[in-house]
Protein backbone atom coordinates (compact mmCIF):
# COMPACT_ATOMS: atom_id res chain seq x y z
CA MET A 1 96.76 118.64 129.76
CA VAL A 2 97.89 116.69 126.71
CA HIS A 3 100.27 113.75 126.59
CA CYS A 4 102.19 113.12 123.38
CA PHE A 5 104.08 109.89 122.75
CA GLN A 6 105.40 107.71 119.96
CA LYS A 7 104.88 103.98 119.99
CA ASN A 8 105.38 101.35 117.29
CA GLY A 9 105.58 103.98 114.56
CA TYR A 10 102.45 105.88 115.63
CA TYR A 11 102.33 109.50 116.75
CA ILE A 12 99.64 109.67 119.45
CA VAL A 13 98.19 112.57 121.41
CA LEU A 14 96.01 112.00 124.47
CA ASP A 15 93.88 114.82 125.82
CA VAL A 16 93.89 113.80 129.46
CA ASN A 17 90.76 115.50 130.78
CA SER A 18 88.43 114.65 127.89
CA GLY A 19 89.94 111.24 127.17
CA SER A 20 90.18 112.04 123.44
CA VAL A 21 92.89 110.10 121.60
CA HIS A 22 94.31 111.45 118.35
CA GLN A 23 96.55 109.70 115.86
CA VAL A 24 98.44 112.42 113.98
CA ASP A 25 101.35 112.80 111.61
CA GLU A 26 104.83 113.90 112.58
CA ILE A 27 104.17 117.57 111.76
CA ALA A 28 100.93 117.90 113.73
CA TYR A 29 102.57 115.97 116.58
CA ALA A 30 105.34 118.56 116.82
CA MET A 31 102.95 121.50 116.48
CA ILE A 32 100.61 120.32 119.23
CA GLN A 33 103.54 120.24 121.64
CA LEU A 34 104.32 123.88 120.79
CA TYR A 35 100.74 125.09 120.69
CA GLU A 36 100.23 126.49 124.17
CA GLU A 37 103.71 127.95 124.51
CA TYR A 38 104.14 129.86 121.25
CA THR A 39 102.08 132.07 118.95
CA PRO A 40 100.82 130.68 115.64
CA GLU A 41 103.33 132.81 113.78
CA GLU A 42 106.19 131.50 115.90
CA ILE A 43 105.08 127.90 115.40
CA VAL A 44 104.97 128.30 111.61
CA GLU A 45 108.42 129.85 111.62
CA MET A 46 109.84 127.10 113.82
CA MET A 47 108.36 124.31 111.71
CA LEU A 48 109.63 125.78 108.46
CA ALA A 49 113.09 126.00 110.01
CA LYS A 50 112.92 122.46 111.32
CA TYR A 51 111.81 120.86 108.03
CA PRO A 52 113.43 122.96 105.31
CA GLU A 53 113.67 120.05 102.86
CA ARG A 54 110.10 118.76 103.12
CA GLU A 55 107.83 119.81 100.29
CA ASP A 56 104.68 119.11 102.32
CA VAL A 57 105.73 121.54 105.05
CA THR A 58 104.51 124.86 103.64
CA GLU A 59 103.13 127.93 105.31
CA ALA A 60 99.66 127.19 103.97
CA GLU A 61 99.72 123.57 105.18
CA LEU A 62 100.97 124.60 108.60
CA LYS A 63 98.26 127.24 108.98
CA GLU A 64 95.65 124.64 108.05
CA THR A 65 97.02 122.28 110.71
CA LEU A 66 96.91 125.10 113.27
CA ALA A 67 93.26 125.70 112.38
CA ASP A 68 92.52 121.99 112.90
CA ILE A 69 94.22 122.08 116.30
CA GLU A 70 92.24 125.15 117.33
CA ALA A 71 88.99 123.51 116.20
CA LEU A 72 89.72 120.46 118.36
CA LYS A 73 90.45 122.76 121.27
CA GLN A 74 87.14 124.57 120.83
CA GLU A 75 85.35 121.21 120.71
CA GLY A 76 86.93 120.23 124.06
CA ARG A 77 89.01 117.46 122.51
CA LEU A 78 92.42 119.07 122.93
CA PHE A 79 93.76 121.15 125.83
CA SER A 80 90.47 120.64 127.67
CA LYS A 81 90.04 121.94 131.20
CA ASP A 82 89.70 119.80 134.29
CA ILE A 83 86.11 120.30 135.40
CA TYR A 84 85.98 117.43 137.90
CA GLU A 85 88.25 118.40 140.79
CA ASP A 86 85.68 120.37 142.78
CA VAL A 87 83.10 117.61 142.33
CA ALA A 88 85.52 114.93 143.53
CA TRP A 89 85.75 116.41 147.00
CA ASP A 90 81.99 116.03 147.36
CA PHE A 91 82.40 112.24 147.19
CA LYS A 92 82.85 112.19 150.96
CA LYS A 93 79.27 113.40 151.33
CA ARG A 94 77.79 110.66 149.20
CA GLN A 95 75.73 107.91 150.76
CA SER A 96 77.61 104.65 151.17
CA VAL A 97 75.95 102.09 148.92
CA VAL A 98 77.60 98.68 148.89
CA LYS A 99 77.51 96.90 145.56
CA SER A 100 80.17 94.21 145.88
CA LEU A 101 81.55 91.80 148.47
CA CYS A 102 84.63 89.63 148.45
CA LEU A 103 83.71 86.62 150.59
CA HIS A 104 86.74 84.95 152.15
CA VAL A 105 85.07 81.59 152.46
CA ALA A 106 88.38 79.94 153.37
CA HIS A 107 91.34 81.41 155.21
CA ASP A 108 93.24 78.29 154.28
CA CYS A 109 95.02 77.09 151.17
CA ASN A 110 96.40 73.91 149.66
CA LEU A 111 99.27 75.79 148.02
CA SER A 112 102.08 77.77 149.59
CA CYS A 113 102.73 80.52 147.04
CA LYS A 114 105.78 82.51 148.07
CA TYR A 115 104.40 85.93 147.13
CA CYS A 116 100.90 85.47 148.57
CA PHE A 117 99.76 88.62 150.40
CA ALA A 118 97.38 86.39 152.35
CA GLY A 119 100.23 84.52 154.05
CA GLU A 120 99.38 81.06 152.66
CA GLY A 121 95.70 81.85 152.99
CA GLU A 122 95.76 82.66 156.70
CA TYR A 123 95.95 86.45 156.32
CA HIS A 124 98.57 86.43 159.08
CA GLY A 125 96.05 85.10 161.57
CA ASP A 126 94.38 81.77 162.25
CA ARG A 127 93.17 79.42 159.58
CA GLY A 128 89.42 79.58 159.26
CA ILE A 129 86.45 78.42 157.21
CA MET A 130 83.35 80.59 156.72
CA SER A 131 80.15 79.00 157.98
CA TYR A 132 76.95 79.09 155.97
CA GLU A 133 75.39 81.29 158.67
CA VAL A 134 78.09 83.96 158.35
CA GLY A 135 77.95 83.84 154.55
CA LYS A 136 74.17 84.11 154.60
CA GLN A 137 74.39 87.15 156.86
CA ALA A 138 76.96 88.67 154.49
CA LEU A 139 74.53 88.40 151.59
CA ASP A 140 71.78 89.88 153.75
CA PHE A 141 74.14 92.74 154.67
CA LEU A 142 74.84 93.37 150.99
CA ILE A 143 71.14 93.42 150.10
CA GLN A 144 70.33 95.74 153.00
CA ASN A 145 73.12 98.18 152.17
CA SER A 146 72.79 98.19 148.39
CA GLY A 147 70.09 100.84 148.21
CA THR A 148 68.28 100.82 144.91
CA ARG A 149 71.05 98.97 143.06
CA HIS A 150 69.71 95.98 141.19
CA ASN A 151 72.98 94.30 140.17
CA LEU A 152 75.22 93.05 142.99
CA GLU A 153 78.53 91.21 142.85
CA VAL A 154 79.96 88.54 145.13
CA ASP A 155 83.40 86.99 144.66
CA PHE A 156 84.19 83.72 146.41
CA PHE A 157 87.79 84.13 147.50
CA GLY A 158 90.37 82.73 149.86
CA GLY A 159 92.86 81.27 150.55
CA GLU A 160 91.37 78.68 148.28
CA PRO A 161 87.54 78.86 148.16
CA LEU A 162 87.16 75.30 146.86
CA MET A 163 88.28 74.12 150.31
CA ASN A 164 84.82 75.27 151.44
CA TRP A 165 82.89 74.20 148.36
CA GLU A 166 79.68 73.06 150.03
CA VAL A 167 79.20 76.47 151.62
CA VAL A 168 79.86 78.17 148.28
CA LYS A 169 77.05 76.15 146.71
CA GLN A 170 74.70 76.84 149.60
CA LEU A 171 75.36 80.58 149.42
CA VAL A 172 74.71 80.68 145.68
CA ALA A 173 71.40 78.91 146.24
CA TYR A 174 70.48 81.35 149.02
CA GLY A 175 71.43 84.30 146.84
CA ARG A 176 69.21 83.07 144.01
CA GLU A 177 66.29 82.83 146.44
CA GLN A 178 66.84 86.38 147.67
CA GLU A 179 66.99 87.80 144.15
CA LYS A 180 63.30 87.18 143.69
CA LEU A 181 62.37 88.60 147.09
CA HIS A 182 64.35 91.84 146.84
CA ASP A 183 64.49 92.57 143.10
CA LYS A 184 68.25 92.02 143.02
CA LYS A 185 70.54 90.15 140.66
CA PHE A 186 73.71 88.51 141.95
CA ARG A 187 76.74 88.09 139.75
CA PHE A 188 78.87 85.45 141.42
CA THR A 189 82.55 84.95 140.62
CA LEU A 190 85.15 82.53 141.92
CA THR A 191 88.94 82.72 142.14
CA THR A 192 90.76 79.39 142.33
CA ASN A 193 94.23 77.88 142.12
CA GLY A 194 92.69 74.86 140.36
CA VAL A 195 93.99 72.09 142.61
CA LEU A 196 90.50 70.95 143.61
CA LEU A 197 88.76 71.53 140.28
CA ASN A 198 86.65 68.58 139.16
CA GLU A 199 83.70 67.97 136.85
CA GLU A 200 81.13 68.89 139.48
CA VAL A 201 82.84 72.20 140.29
CA MET A 202 83.27 73.04 136.60
CA ASP A 203 79.63 72.34 135.75
CA PHE A 204 78.35 74.31 138.73
CA CYS A 205 80.59 77.29 137.93
CA ASN A 206 79.51 77.26 134.32
CA ARG A 207 75.88 77.44 135.44
CA GLU A 208 76.22 79.97 138.23
CA MET A 209 79.43 81.99 138.03
CA GLY A 210 79.54 85.11 135.90
CA ASN A 211 83.32 84.91 135.87
CA VAL A 212 85.97 82.47 137.00
CA VAL A 213 89.54 83.58 137.74
CA LEU A 214 92.14 80.84 137.26
CA SER A 215 95.50 81.41 138.95
CA MET A 216 98.61 80.39 137.03
CA ASP A 217 101.93 82.14 136.38
CA GLY A 218 102.88 80.79 132.96
CA ARG A 219 105.72 78.45 132.02
CA LYS A 220 106.17 75.35 134.18
CA GLU A 221 109.48 76.42 135.70
CA VAL A 222 108.13 79.91 136.48
CA ASN A 223 104.82 78.71 137.90
CA ASP A 224 106.36 75.97 140.01
CA ARG A 225 109.04 78.22 141.46
CA MET A 226 106.41 80.39 143.19
CA ARG A 227 103.21 78.33 143.21
CA SER A 228 103.93 75.07 144.97
CA SER A 229 102.32 72.90 147.62
CA GLN A 230 103.49 72.99 151.21
CA ASN A 231 105.83 70.08 150.50
CA GLY A 232 107.43 72.04 147.66
CA LYS A 233 105.83 70.20 144.73
CA GLY A 234 104.89 72.47 141.84
CA SER A 235 101.28 72.84 140.71
CA TYR A 236 101.71 73.23 136.93
CA ASP A 237 101.23 69.61 135.85
CA LEU A 238 98.16 69.25 138.05
CA ILE A 239 96.33 72.44 137.15
CA VAL A 240 96.98 72.94 133.42
CA PRO A 241 94.81 70.01 132.20
CA LYS A 242 92.06 71.06 134.62
CA PHE A 243 92.17 74.67 133.47
CA GLN A 244 92.10 73.61 129.82
CA LYS A 245 89.07 71.45 130.44
CA MET A 246 87.38 74.20 132.47
CA VAL A 247 87.85 76.75 129.68
CA GLU A 248 86.67 74.30 127.03
CA LYS A 249 83.52 73.52 128.99
CA ARG A 250 82.98 77.21 129.74
CA GLY A 251 82.60 78.06 126.08
CA ASP A 252 82.02 81.76 125.51
CA GLN A 253 81.41 82.58 129.17
CA GLU A 254 83.79 84.92 130.99
CA TYR A 255 87.00 83.71 132.60
CA TYR A 256 90.55 84.85 132.80
CA MET A 257 93.93 83.46 133.66
CA ARG A 258 95.50 85.54 136.40
CA GLY A 259 99.26 85.34 136.90
CA THR A 260 101.96 87.21 138.79
CA TYR A 261 105.42 88.03 137.54
CA THR A 262 108.39 88.64 139.81
CA HIS A 263 112.06 89.58 139.69
CA TYR A 264 112.70 85.99 138.54
CA ASN A 265 110.62 86.25 135.35
CA THR A 266 110.94 89.80 134.10
CA ASP A 267 110.56 88.22 130.64
CA PHE A 268 106.90 87.72 131.50
CA VAL A 269 105.72 88.02 127.91
CA SER A 270 107.01 84.49 127.41
CA ASP A 271 104.64 83.39 130.17
CA LEU A 272 101.67 85.17 128.62
CA LEU A 273 102.39 83.69 125.20
CA HIS A 274 102.84 80.27 126.78
CA MET A 275 99.36 80.53 128.30
CA ALA A 276 97.95 81.73 124.98
CA ASP A 277 99.55 78.81 123.20
CA LEU A 278 97.96 76.43 125.73
CA GLY A 279 94.60 77.69 124.49
CA PHE A 280 93.86 80.38 127.10
CA LYS A 281 92.71 83.62 125.46
CA GLU A 282 91.69 85.84 128.41
CA LEU A 283 94.92 86.73 130.15
CA SER A 284 96.23 88.86 132.97
CA ILE A 285 99.63 88.94 134.57
CA GLU A 286 100.33 91.41 137.37
CA PRO A 287 103.59 92.74 138.80
CA VAL A 288 104.28 91.26 142.21
CA VAL A 289 103.81 93.58 145.17
CA ALA A 290 106.30 92.49 147.79
CA PRO A 291 108.48 93.82 150.61
CA PRO A 292 111.65 95.34 149.09
CA GLU A 293 113.82 92.83 150.95
CA ALA A 294 112.11 89.83 149.29
CA ASP A 295 114.37 88.13 146.75
CA TYR A 296 111.52 88.02 144.24
CA ALA A 297 110.55 91.70 144.61
CA LEU A 298 110.73 93.92 141.55
CA THR A 299 113.35 96.66 141.60
CA GLU A 300 113.95 99.95 139.81
CA GLU A 301 116.70 98.16 137.89
CA ASP A 302 114.06 95.82 136.43
CA LEU A 303 112.07 98.67 134.86
CA PRO A 304 113.87 99.00 131.47
CA VAL A 305 113.33 95.29 130.80
CA LEU A 306 109.69 95.47 131.92
CA TYR A 307 108.99 98.49 129.70
CA GLN A 308 110.46 96.57 126.76
CA GLN A 309 108.29 93.58 127.61
CA TYR A 310 105.09 95.60 127.59
CA ASP A 311 106.10 97.10 124.23
CA GLN A 312 106.87 93.64 122.86
CA LEU A 313 103.54 92.31 124.10
CA ALA A 314 101.55 95.00 122.29
CA VAL A 315 103.38 94.32 119.02
CA GLU A 316 102.84 90.57 119.39
CA MET A 317 99.13 91.09 120.05
CA LEU A 318 98.82 93.10 116.84
CA LYS A 319 100.67 90.40 114.94
CA ARG A 320 98.44 87.65 116.29
CA HIS A 321 95.34 89.74 115.59
CA LYS A 322 96.29 89.88 111.91
CA GLU A 323 96.85 86.12 111.97
CA GLY A 324 93.44 85.48 113.56
CA ARG A 325 94.99 84.30 116.84
CA ASP A 326 93.78 87.07 119.14
CA PHE A 327 94.00 87.01 122.89
CA THR A 328 93.11 89.72 125.39
CA PHE A 329 95.37 91.18 128.04
CA TYR A 330 93.63 92.74 131.02
CA HIS A 331 95.79 95.87 131.24
CA TYR A 332 95.35 96.63 127.53
CA MET A 333 91.55 96.45 127.59
CA LEU A 334 90.35 100.04 127.04
CA ASP A 335 86.94 101.12 125.82
CA LEU A 336 87.53 104.58 124.36
CA GLU A 337 83.92 104.98 123.27
CA GLY A 338 81.81 103.69 126.15
CA GLY A 339 84.32 103.17 128.94
CA PRO A 340 83.82 103.76 132.67
CA CYS A 341 81.88 106.87 133.67
CA VAL A 342 83.74 109.89 135.01
CA VAL A 343 82.93 109.07 138.65
CA LYS A 344 84.42 105.59 138.18
CA ARG A 345 87.49 107.01 136.47
CA ILE A 346 88.05 109.43 139.32
CA SER A 347 87.33 107.20 142.31
CA GLY A 348 88.28 103.71 141.10
CA CYS A 349 87.19 100.40 142.57
CA GLY A 350 85.15 101.74 145.49
CA VAL A 351 87.47 100.23 148.11
CA GLY A 352 86.04 100.58 151.62
CA THR A 353 82.77 102.06 150.41
CA GLU A 354 81.15 100.23 147.48
CA TYR A 355 83.41 97.20 147.75
CA LEU A 356 84.15 95.32 151.00
CA ALA A 357 85.83 92.09 152.03
CA VAL A 358 84.31 89.66 154.54
CA THR A 359 86.47 87.31 156.63
CA PRO A 360 85.35 83.84 157.75
CA ASN A 361 84.07 85.22 161.07
CA GLY A 362 82.15 88.05 159.37
CA ASP A 363 84.54 90.97 159.87
CA LEU A 364 84.40 93.69 157.24
CA TYR A 365 87.54 95.18 155.68
CA PRO A 366 88.01 97.73 152.87
CA CYS A 367 89.21 95.01 150.48
CA HIS A 368 90.82 91.57 150.50
CA GLN A 369 94.32 93.01 150.81
CA PHE A 370 93.46 94.69 154.13
CA ALA A 371 91.99 91.59 155.76
CA GLY A 372 93.48 90.93 159.19
CA GLU A 373 94.87 94.47 159.62
CA GLY A 374 93.10 95.69 162.75
CA LYS A 375 93.47 99.38 161.94
CA TYR A 376 91.25 98.86 158.91
CA LEU A 377 88.56 96.73 160.53
CA LEU A 378 85.35 98.50 159.51
CA GLY A 379 82.81 96.41 161.41
CA ASN A 380 81.08 93.11 160.75
CA VAL A 381 78.16 91.72 158.79
CA PHE A 382 76.00 91.47 161.91
CA ASP A 383 76.42 95.00 163.25
CA GLY A 384 77.33 96.78 160.01
CA ILE A 385 79.92 99.53 159.65
CA THR A 386 81.05 100.76 163.06
CA ASN A 387 84.40 102.33 162.16
CA GLU A 388 82.93 105.22 160.21
CA GLN A 389 86.13 107.28 160.33
CA ALA A 390 88.07 104.63 158.43
CA ARG A 391 85.26 104.27 155.91
CA ASP A 392 85.17 108.03 155.37
CA ASP A 393 88.91 108.03 154.71
CA PHE A 394 88.32 105.60 151.87
CA LYS A 395 85.55 107.77 150.46
CA LEU A 396 88.29 110.17 149.47
CA CYS A 397 90.24 107.60 147.48
CA ASN A 398 90.35 109.48 144.19
CA ILE A 399 92.88 110.99 141.83
CA TYR A 400 92.75 114.37 143.54
CA ALA A 401 93.75 112.93 146.91
CA HIS A 402 97.21 112.08 145.54
CA LYS A 403 99.46 115.03 144.77
CA GLU A 404 101.47 112.76 142.48
CA CYS A 405 98.44 112.31 140.22
CA LYS A 406 98.11 116.01 139.42
CA ASP A 407 100.46 115.95 136.43
CA CYS A 408 100.09 112.27 135.48
CA PHE A 409 98.57 111.59 132.05
CA ALA A 410 97.40 108.11 133.12
CA ARG A 411 95.38 109.20 136.13
CA MET A 412 91.99 108.65 134.48
CA TYR A 413 92.97 105.06 133.72
CA CYS A 414 94.10 104.03 137.22
CA SER A 415 91.88 106.29 139.36
CA GLY A 416 94.74 106.99 141.74
CA GLY A 417 95.98 103.44 141.95
CA CYS A 418 95.47 100.67 144.48
CA ALA A 419 94.74 101.91 148.01
CA ALA A 420 96.21 98.74 149.56
CA ASN A 421 99.49 99.19 147.69
CA ALA A 422 99.56 102.83 148.76
CA VAL A 423 99.09 101.92 152.42
CA HIS A 424 101.59 99.08 152.39
CA TYR A 425 104.28 101.20 150.71
CA THR A 426 103.63 104.66 152.17
CA GLY A 427 101.43 104.11 155.24
CA SER A 428 98.62 106.25 153.81
CA VAL A 429 95.68 105.71 151.47
CA ASN A 430 96.71 109.03 149.94
CA GLY A 431 100.17 107.79 149.01
CA VAL A 432 101.21 106.15 145.76
CA TYR A 433 103.19 103.02 144.93
CA GLU A 434 105.70 104.68 142.63
CA LEU A 435 107.06 101.60 140.88
CA GLY A 436 103.52 100.50 140.13
CA CYS A 437 102.76 103.95 138.68
CA LYS A 438 105.71 103.73 136.32
CA LEU A 439 104.57 100.36 135.02
CA HIS A 440 101.00 101.58 134.68
CA ARG A 441 102.02 104.54 132.54
CA CYS A 442 103.89 102.20 130.20
CA ARG A 443 100.86 99.89 129.97
CA ILE A 444 98.49 102.75 129.17
CA GLU A 445 100.66 104.02 126.34
CA ASN A 446 100.71 100.55 124.83
CA ALA A 447 96.98 100.08 125.36
CA LEU A 448 96.25 103.36 123.58
CA MET A 449 98.60 102.44 120.73
CA LEU A 450 96.78 99.13 120.35
CA GLN A 451 93.44 100.91 120.09
CA VAL A 452 94.82 103.26 117.45
CA ALA A 453 96.37 100.40 115.47
CA LEU A 454 93.23 98.26 115.62
CA ALA A 455 91.06 101.18 114.53
CA GLU A 456 93.40 101.79 111.59
CA GLU A 457 93.25 98.10 110.69
CA ALA A 458 89.45 98.14 110.81
CA GLU A 459 89.33 101.17 108.50
CA LYS A 460 91.55 99.40 105.97
CA GLU A 461 89.28 96.36 106.02
CA GLU A 462 86.26 98.56 105.27
CA GLU A 463 87.92 100.19 102.28
């Protein structure tokens, strides 16, 4: 399967199964789209008829282009076959090795964000704070179920994890002790709304956290509309100075700003650029996932504007790159040379198998977005996985489990999409969140265009 598209003046061809990306001229672009349907002689005849006035479109030139296309095909870089489908169904047989936990150290929050899937931090249940004993057992569970993996990941999550800060520090200390005993290495991360950030938290995070996720939606009026305290006061003025200080102190260590856009700010590029202009260079802004009846939910009618916004963002990023004012955008970060392995591309984040969420009382769920949903309770950190049927269902979360992915050019870049979104919109882990798929395809085209443009820019600089 090949996917051909034009973006920002570039003619781009993606070979879906091999992942090869080709920047071509207008003539080759047209010929590749005809290649599997017509004979070489027919293609030459059609191209000569289509471009009768162009001096560079000659029979000899066209035959040379056809030879180049055939060579790429023989090399497996165009029209390559899908050799992974049969292997993907063997994933269910693989041993479950856990490599990452999302620790819900606080089912409580000091904000009342309107779109929060956690229901103001409570996950539609009771407020709760994880004890050190439960957290310690969670780390023990991870070590015991990680097999021979050396590198393990733990994200301190909520609610708002800083509402249980002492336990976070204790668990980091315990994890560091266990590293030496079990030949493991923990990469801790923390996601925070910033309200409780102070010097002590910043310094500790900069010593111990491999990444810090800072939640903010952009412009003051946008942020404060959705991210306010329980008394309705917006959080922007409180968190921006703290986030700026945090990032300054963090230096070159990983962080990113994580925002959400809704029906009320479909011009979300203005929010991203606002954050960039505040000095934040590692950015992400995600489309809200909300019940269709919510006034802030995205609609099909929003899509043309959103597509335009993603196009505008890519062009602006190129402009700022040339000006030496780069920033990164999570959904445009592609590594075309050494990106995720094939297994990762096919099966995604490892929801319910490699990646699990732990509630304050120690219950295990497939990921943070399933927490509190009894049907998806997998077990607990004391007894381990007891709901093996549910876990096995998640083992088959891959691009071949979704019929909609069969003909989708972007499937190797989303791995079948988010299982939680699929369940919440279709009732099945094998469903797809269609609106999300449409946005993802637009993002991937722009991300590929950016890679092509940056590679071209780098070549010019070398000349």
